[in-house]
Amino acid sequence: MLLDTAALYFRGFYGVPDTVRAPDGSPVNAVRGLLDIIARLVTDYVPAQLVACWDDNWRPGWRVDLLPSYKAHRVAQAVPGGVDVEEVPELLVAQVPLIRELLGTLGIAIVGAPGYEADDVIGSLATQATVPVDIVTSDRDLLQLVDDASDVRLISTAKGMSNLEVVTDAVVEKKYGITSRQYADFAVMRGDPSDGLPGVAGVGEKTAAGLLREFGDLEGIIEAADDDDVPLSPAVRGRLRGASDYLAVAPRVVEVARDITFDEFDASIRPLDAAALAAAHALGERYGLGGSLERALRALGN
């Protein structure tokens, strides 16, 4: 099970009131929310291995170089030559170090990669896995990784933890009218304002899906738009040609990495030793994590 960690702690932050505080008054709503999410997921899906995939760089420079608008609206402070500071609620920022400490204490593998987003870590681990994989996220861009043949499915939290949706190839096809392998090209054309992806003006989901069904992939669509002998709506042809600069770079921005190499790590779920269990309880007492921590510990076999 691969966790899109930031997406889940954001969900925890907004799902639990920020009046939930530690004994010293510091906010712990995201921490408690994430613990409850993990407890629910592990209990319901019983994974043998669990990885908290991490954003070492939430806005990689190589993506920005290709498409400067990429996540630009979410930058709180630009850091030349470094990692830009993302606009995140202060009450959540304060909890991220504790989240990372607690995940480590619970024995959950935390995996990131310099210069890459958690999506890329997920893409690489899912592609290279030799066992079935569940990806847990609310990010629809990761639908490009769904693959029945490789036993990769997505557990979508987009509708909340009480309405989890298990996404397979058939679900993608039914919802969007395309295959999972076509999803990245579909996302390029449709665009996504939340990621600063403008898409192709005038080409929505229905048109994008129809083009992919007819021409197979984005390369085939571009070739068709450039060939006046191919029957294509003049309006759509004009829109595709007008977006040629965007279409030349956007696929590399939207496609998640699949070839990151990682140092060896152990993602097995197993009971904590006495020292780690004591450390977890100490954190729980210090930060008032109460039943959320206990539920997570039980789910993880403690």
Protein backbone atom coordinates (compact mmCIF):
# COMPACT_ATOMS: atom_id res chain seq x y z
CA MET A 1 0.00 0.00 0.00
CA LEU A 2 1.45 3.31 -1.15
CA LEU A 3 0.18 6.41 0.65
CA ASP A 4 0.08 9.81 -1.00
CA THR A 5 1.06 11.15 2.40
CA ALA A 6 0.56 14.88 1.91
CA ALA A 7 -2.87 14.37 0.35
CA LEU A 8 -3.87 12.29 3.36
CA TYR A 9 -2.58 14.66 6.04
CA PHE A 10 -4.27 17.56 4.25
CA ARG A 11 -7.48 15.51 4.39
CA GLY A 12 -6.87 14.87 8.08
CA PHE A 13 -6.26 18.58 8.70
CA TYR A 14 -9.50 19.67 7.07
CA GLY A 15 -11.49 16.71 8.37
CA VAL A 16 -10.71 17.18 12.06
CA PRO A 17 -11.41 20.54 13.77
CA ASP A 18 -8.32 22.62 14.52
CA THR A 19 -9.62 22.96 18.06
CA VAL A 20 -8.18 19.47 18.59
CA ARG A 21 -4.97 20.31 20.41
CA ALA A 22 -2.13 18.77 22.37
CA PRO A 23 -1.94 19.39 26.13
CA ASP A 24 0.45 22.29 25.42
CA GLY A 25 -2.07 23.86 23.04
CA SER A 26 -0.32 22.98 19.77
CA PRO A 27 -2.53 21.75 16.91
CA VAL A 28 -2.69 18.00 16.29
CA ASN A 29 -5.81 17.70 14.12
CA ALA A 30 -3.85 16.66 11.00
CA VAL A 31 -1.84 14.16 13.03
CA ARG A 32 -4.91 12.56 14.54
CA GLY A 33 -6.75 12.63 11.24
CA LEU A 34 -3.87 10.88 9.46
CA LEU A 35 -3.61 8.24 12.17
CA ASP A 36 -7.31 7.46 11.85
CA ILE A 37 -6.99 7.26 8.05
CA ILE A 38 -4.07 4.83 8.31
CA ALA A 39 -5.92 2.72 10.88
CA ARG A 40 -8.95 2.51 8.62
CA LEU A 41 -6.95 1.66 5.49
CA VAL A 42 -4.81 -1.02 7.12
CA THR A 43 -7.81 -2.59 8.85
CA ASP A 44 -9.96 -2.67 5.72
CA TYR A 45 -7.37 -3.64 3.11
CA VAL A 46 -4.83 -5.59 5.22
CA PRO A 47 -1.66 -4.74 3.28
CA ALA A 48 1.51 -6.69 4.03
CA GLN A 49 3.66 -3.62 3.33
CA LEU A 50 3.00 0.08 3.83
CA VAL A 51 4.93 3.06 2.44
CA ALA A 52 4.37 6.73 3.27
CA CYS A 53 5.44 8.35 0.00
CA TRP A 54 6.89 11.81 0.57
CA ASP A 55 7.25 15.04 -1.39
CA ASP A 56 10.96 15.79 -1.23
CA ASN A 57 10.13 18.51 -3.74
CA TRP A 58 6.48 19.39 -4.25
CA ARG A 59 7.29 21.55 -7.33
CA PRO A 60 10.38 20.12 -9.04
CA GLY A 61 12.47 22.60 -10.98
CA TRP A 62 12.60 20.35 -14.03
CA ARG A 63 8.81 20.47 -14.31
CA VAL A 64 8.76 24.24 -13.80
CA ASP A 65 11.43 24.65 -16.49
CA LEU A 66 9.13 22.86 -18.91
CA LEU A 67 5.95 24.65 -17.82
CA PRO A 68 6.46 27.75 -15.62
CA SER A 69 2.77 27.85 -14.65
CA TYR A 70 3.08 24.45 -12.93
CA LYS A 71 1.70 24.93 -9.39
CA ALA A 72 2.80 28.58 -9.58
CA HIS A 73 -0.34 29.80 -7.81
CA ARG A 74 0.56 27.70 -4.76
CA VAL A 75 4.00 29.24 -4.21
CA ALA A 76 4.23 31.24 -0.97
CA GLN A 77 7.92 32.02 -1.40
CA ALA A 78 10.21 31.33 -4.34
CA VAL A 79 13.59 29.85 -3.41
CA PRO A 80 16.05 30.23 -6.30
CA GLY A 81 18.06 27.04 -6.64
CA GLY A 82 16.08 25.37 -3.87
CA VAL A 83 12.62 24.07 -3.03
CA ASP A 84 9.92 26.74 -3.25
CA VAL A 85 7.83 27.22 -0.12
CA GLU A 86 4.29 25.99 -0.66
CA GLU A 87 1.30 27.96 0.57
CA VAL A 88 0.11 25.76 3.43
CA PRO A 89 -1.95 26.74 6.49
CA GLU A 90 0.37 27.60 9.37
CA LEU A 91 -1.45 25.25 11.70
CA LEU A 92 -0.66 22.39 9.32
CA VAL A 93 2.96 23.39 8.70
CA ALA A 94 3.55 23.09 12.44
CA GLN A 95 2.35 19.47 12.42
CA VAL A 96 4.37 18.06 9.52
CA PRO A 97 7.57 17.39 11.54
CA LEU A 98 5.51 15.51 14.14
CA ILE A 99 3.76 13.53 11.40
CA ARG A 100 7.10 12.46 10.01
CA GLU A 101 8.47 11.59 13.46
CA LEU A 102 5.39 9.60 14.36
CA LEU A 103 5.33 7.63 11.10
CA GLY A 104 8.94 6.66 11.69
CA THR A 105 8.20 5.67 15.29
CA LEU A 106 5.33 3.48 14.12
CA GLY A 107 7.70 1.64 11.80
CA ILE A 108 6.08 2.95 8.62
CA ALA A 109 8.61 3.34 5.81
CA ILE A 110 8.90 6.96 4.63
CA VAL A 111 10.20 7.14 1.07
CA GLY A 112 11.00 10.24 -0.97
CA ALA A 113 13.46 11.11 -3.73
CA PRO A 114 15.46 14.33 -4.18
CA GLY A 115 13.96 16.45 -6.95
CA TYR A 116 10.74 14.46 -7.14
CA GLU A 117 7.18 14.59 -5.87
CA ALA A 118 5.41 11.86 -3.95
CA ASP A 119 3.51 11.09 -7.18
CA ASP A 120 6.81 10.14 -8.81
CA VAL A 121 7.79 7.97 -5.85
CA ILE A 122 4.42 6.24 -6.10
CA GLY A 123 4.78 5.81 -9.86
CA SER A 124 8.22 4.25 -9.55
CA LEU A 125 7.36 1.94 -6.64
CA ALA A 126 4.12 0.82 -8.28
CA THR A 127 5.79 0.15 -11.63
CA GLN A 128 8.72 -1.72 -10.12
CA ALA A 129 6.68 -3.75 -7.61
CA THR A 130 6.56 -7.51 -7.83
CA VAL A 131 3.44 -7.76 -5.62
CA PRO A 132 -0.07 -6.29 -5.96
CA VAL A 133 -0.21 -2.56 -5.20
CA ASP A 134 -2.88 -0.29 -3.75
CA ILE A 135 -2.29 3.46 -4.23
CA VAL A 136 -4.17 5.65 -1.76
CA THR A 137 -4.77 9.20 -2.95
CA SER A 138 -7.34 11.81 -3.92
CA ASP A 139 -5.19 12.85 -6.90
CA ARG A 140 -6.82 11.79 -10.16
CA ASP A 141 -3.53 12.20 -12.04
CA LEU A 142 -2.41 8.93 -10.48
CA LEU A 143 -5.14 7.12 -12.41
CA GLN A 144 -2.48 6.78 -15.10
CA LEU A 145 -0.90 4.07 -12.93
CA VAL A 146 -3.96 1.82 -12.66
CA ASP A 147 -3.16 -1.47 -14.36
CA ASP A 148 -5.14 -4.66 -13.85
CA ALA A 149 -2.47 -6.74 -15.60
CA SER A 150 0.13 -5.66 -13.03
CA ASP A 151 -2.30 -5.74 -10.07
CA VAL A 152 -2.08 -1.98 -9.52
CA ARG A 153 -5.28 -0.32 -8.39
CA LEU A 154 -6.12 3.02 -6.81
CA ILE A 155 -8.11 3.61 -3.64
CA SER A 156 -9.59 7.06 -4.10
CA THR A 157 -10.28 9.21 -1.04
CA ALA A 158 -11.75 12.01 -3.19
CA LYS A 159 -15.25 11.46 -1.76
CA GLY A 160 -14.06 11.01 1.81
CA MET A 161 -13.04 8.08 3.96
CA SER A 162 -16.65 6.92 4.26
CA ASN A 163 -16.91 6.66 0.47
CA LEU A 164 -13.66 5.09 -0.64
CA GLU A 165 -13.65 4.00 -4.27
CA VAL A 166 -11.47 1.15 -5.54
CA VAL A 167 -10.45 2.09 -9.06
CA THR A 168 -9.52 -0.54 -11.64
CA ASP A 169 -9.15 -0.36 -15.42
CA ALA A 170 -12.89 -0.92 -15.83
CA VAL A 171 -13.73 1.96 -13.51
CA VAL A 172 -11.49 4.37 -15.42
CA GLU A 173 -13.00 3.29 -18.73
CA LYS A 174 -16.55 3.60 -17.46
CA LYS A 175 -15.98 7.04 -15.94
CA TYR A 176 -13.86 8.66 -18.65
CA GLY A 177 -14.34 6.53 -21.75
CA ILE A 178 -10.60 5.87 -22.08
CA THR A 179 -8.08 3.34 -20.82
CA SER A 180 -5.82 3.99 -17.84
CA ARG A 181 -2.84 4.07 -20.20
CA GLN A 182 -4.47 6.98 -22.02
CA TYR A 183 -5.18 8.94 -18.86
CA ALA A 184 -2.02 11.07 -18.82
CA ASP A 185 -2.67 12.25 -22.40
CA PHE A 186 -6.28 12.89 -21.44
CA ALA A 187 -5.15 15.00 -18.46
CA VAL A 188 -2.75 16.99 -20.65
CA MET A 189 -5.53 18.01 -23.02
CA ARG A 190 -8.16 18.62 -20.34
CA GLY A 191 -5.80 20.60 -18.12
CA ASP A 192 -6.03 21.09 -14.37
CA PRO A 193 -6.19 24.57 -12.81
CA SER A 194 -5.22 23.17 -9.39
CA ASP A 195 -1.83 22.22 -10.86
CA GLY A 196 -1.47 25.23 -13.16
CA LEU A 197 -2.01 23.12 -16.29
CA PRO A 198 -3.91 25.22 -18.83
CA GLY A 199 -4.87 22.32 -21.10
CA VAL A 200 -5.97 22.86 -24.68
CA ALA A 201 -8.46 25.73 -24.81
CA GLY A 202 -11.87 24.50 -25.88
CA VAL A 203 -11.01 20.82 -25.47
CA GLY A 204 -12.85 19.37 -22.50
CA GLU A 205 -13.11 15.85 -21.18
CA LYS A 206 -15.64 14.66 -23.78
CA THR A 207 -13.62 15.91 -26.74
CA ALA A 208 -10.32 14.69 -25.29
CA ALA A 209 -11.75 11.22 -24.70
CA GLY A 210 -13.20 11.08 -28.21
CA LEU A 211 -9.87 12.07 -29.76
CA LEU A 212 -8.05 9.40 -27.79
CA ARG A 213 -10.52 6.72 -28.80
CA GLU A 214 -10.09 7.69 -32.43
CA PHE A 215 -6.33 8.29 -32.61
CA GLY A 216 -4.97 6.22 -29.71
CA ASP A 217 -2.65 8.66 -27.98
CA LEU A 218 -1.57 12.29 -27.92
CA GLU A 219 1.13 11.70 -30.52
CA GLY A 220 -1.46 10.29 -32.90
CA ILE A 221 -3.79 13.22 -32.21
CA ILE A 222 -1.07 15.77 -32.94
CA GLU A 223 -0.15 13.98 -36.16
CA ALA A 224 -3.80 14.03 -37.21
CA ALA A 225 -4.10 17.74 -36.45
CA ASP A 226 -1.04 18.45 -38.59
CA ASP A 227 -2.34 16.40 -41.53
CA ASP A 228 -5.04 18.23 -43.48
CA ASP A 229 -6.02 14.98 -45.17
CA VAL A 230 -7.19 13.49 -41.85
CA PRO A 231 -10.90 14.22 -41.22
CA LEU A 232 -11.01 16.44 -38.13
CA SER A 233 -13.22 19.29 -37.03
CA PRO A 234 -11.64 22.58 -38.16
CA ALA A 235 -12.26 24.06 -34.72
CA VAL A 236 -10.55 21.17 -32.92
CA ARG A 237 -7.70 21.14 -35.43
CA GLY A 238 -7.16 24.85 -34.84
CA ARG A 239 -7.22 24.46 -31.07
CA LEU A 240 -4.68 21.64 -31.14
CA ARG A 241 -2.37 23.53 -33.48
CA GLY A 242 -2.71 26.65 -31.35
CA ALA A 243 -1.61 24.69 -28.29
CA SER A 244 1.43 23.13 -29.97
CA ASP A 245 3.98 24.72 -27.63
CA TYR A 246 2.06 23.52 -24.58
CA LEU A 247 1.56 20.04 -26.01
CA ALA A 248 5.29 19.74 -26.70
CA VAL A 249 6.15 19.94 -22.98
CA ALA A 250 3.04 19.08 -20.97
CA PRO A 251 3.26 15.28 -21.31
CA ARG A 252 6.58 15.24 -19.45
CA VAL A 253 5.05 17.39 -16.72
CA VAL A 254 1.93 15.26 -16.28
CA GLU A 255 3.49 11.81 -16.60
CA VAL A 256 4.77 10.51 -13.28
CA ALA A 257 8.28 9.12 -13.07
CA ARG A 258 8.52 5.34 -13.10
CA ASP A 259 12.27 4.81 -13.02
CA ILE A 260 13.49 6.33 -9.74
CA THR A 261 15.92 4.04 -7.93
CA PHE A 262 15.77 3.80 -4.16
CA ASP A 263 18.05 2.69 -1.39
CA GLU A 264 16.85 -0.53 0.17
CA PHE A 265 14.09 -0.12 2.76
CA ASP A 266 11.77 -2.40 4.74
CA ALA A 267 8.08 -1.64 4.31
CA SER A 268 6.80 -4.72 6.15
CA ILE A 269 4.06 -4.21 8.70
CA ARG A 270 5.11 -5.86 11.92
CA PRO A 271 4.64 -5.31 15.68
CA LEU A 272 6.94 -2.72 17.23
CA ASP A 273 9.66 -3.75 19.63
CA ALA A 274 9.38 -2.62 23.23
CA ALA A 275 11.48 0.53 22.77
CA ALA A 276 9.58 1.72 19.71
CA LEU A 277 6.23 1.00 21.35
CA ALA A 278 7.25 2.97 24.41
CA ALA A 279 8.37 5.86 22.20
CA ALA A 280 5.02 5.81 20.37
CA HIS A 281 3.10 5.89 23.65
CA ALA A 282 5.31 8.73 24.89
CA LEU A 283 4.51 10.77 21.79
CA GLY A 284 0.84 9.94 22.21
CA GLU A 285 0.82 11.14 25.79
CA ARG A 286 2.85 14.28 25.03
CA TYR A 287 0.62 15.34 22.15
CA GLY A 288 -2.71 13.99 23.37
CA LEU A 289 -3.18 11.62 20.44
CA GLY A 290 -5.51 9.39 22.43
CA GLY A 291 -7.67 6.90 20.56
CA SER A 292 -6.28 7.87 17.17
CA LEU A 293 -2.85 6.51 18.08
CA GLU A 294 -4.29 3.43 19.78
CA ARG A 295 -6.36 2.56 16.71
CA ALA A 296 -3.32 2.95 14.47
CA LEU A 297 -1.19 0.81 16.76
CA ARG A 298 -3.80 -1.96 16.82
CA ALA A 299 -4.20 -1.87 13.06
CA LEU A 300 -0.44 -2.22 12.68
CA GLY A 301 -0.41 -5.32 14.87
CA ASN A 302 0.48 -3.89 18.27
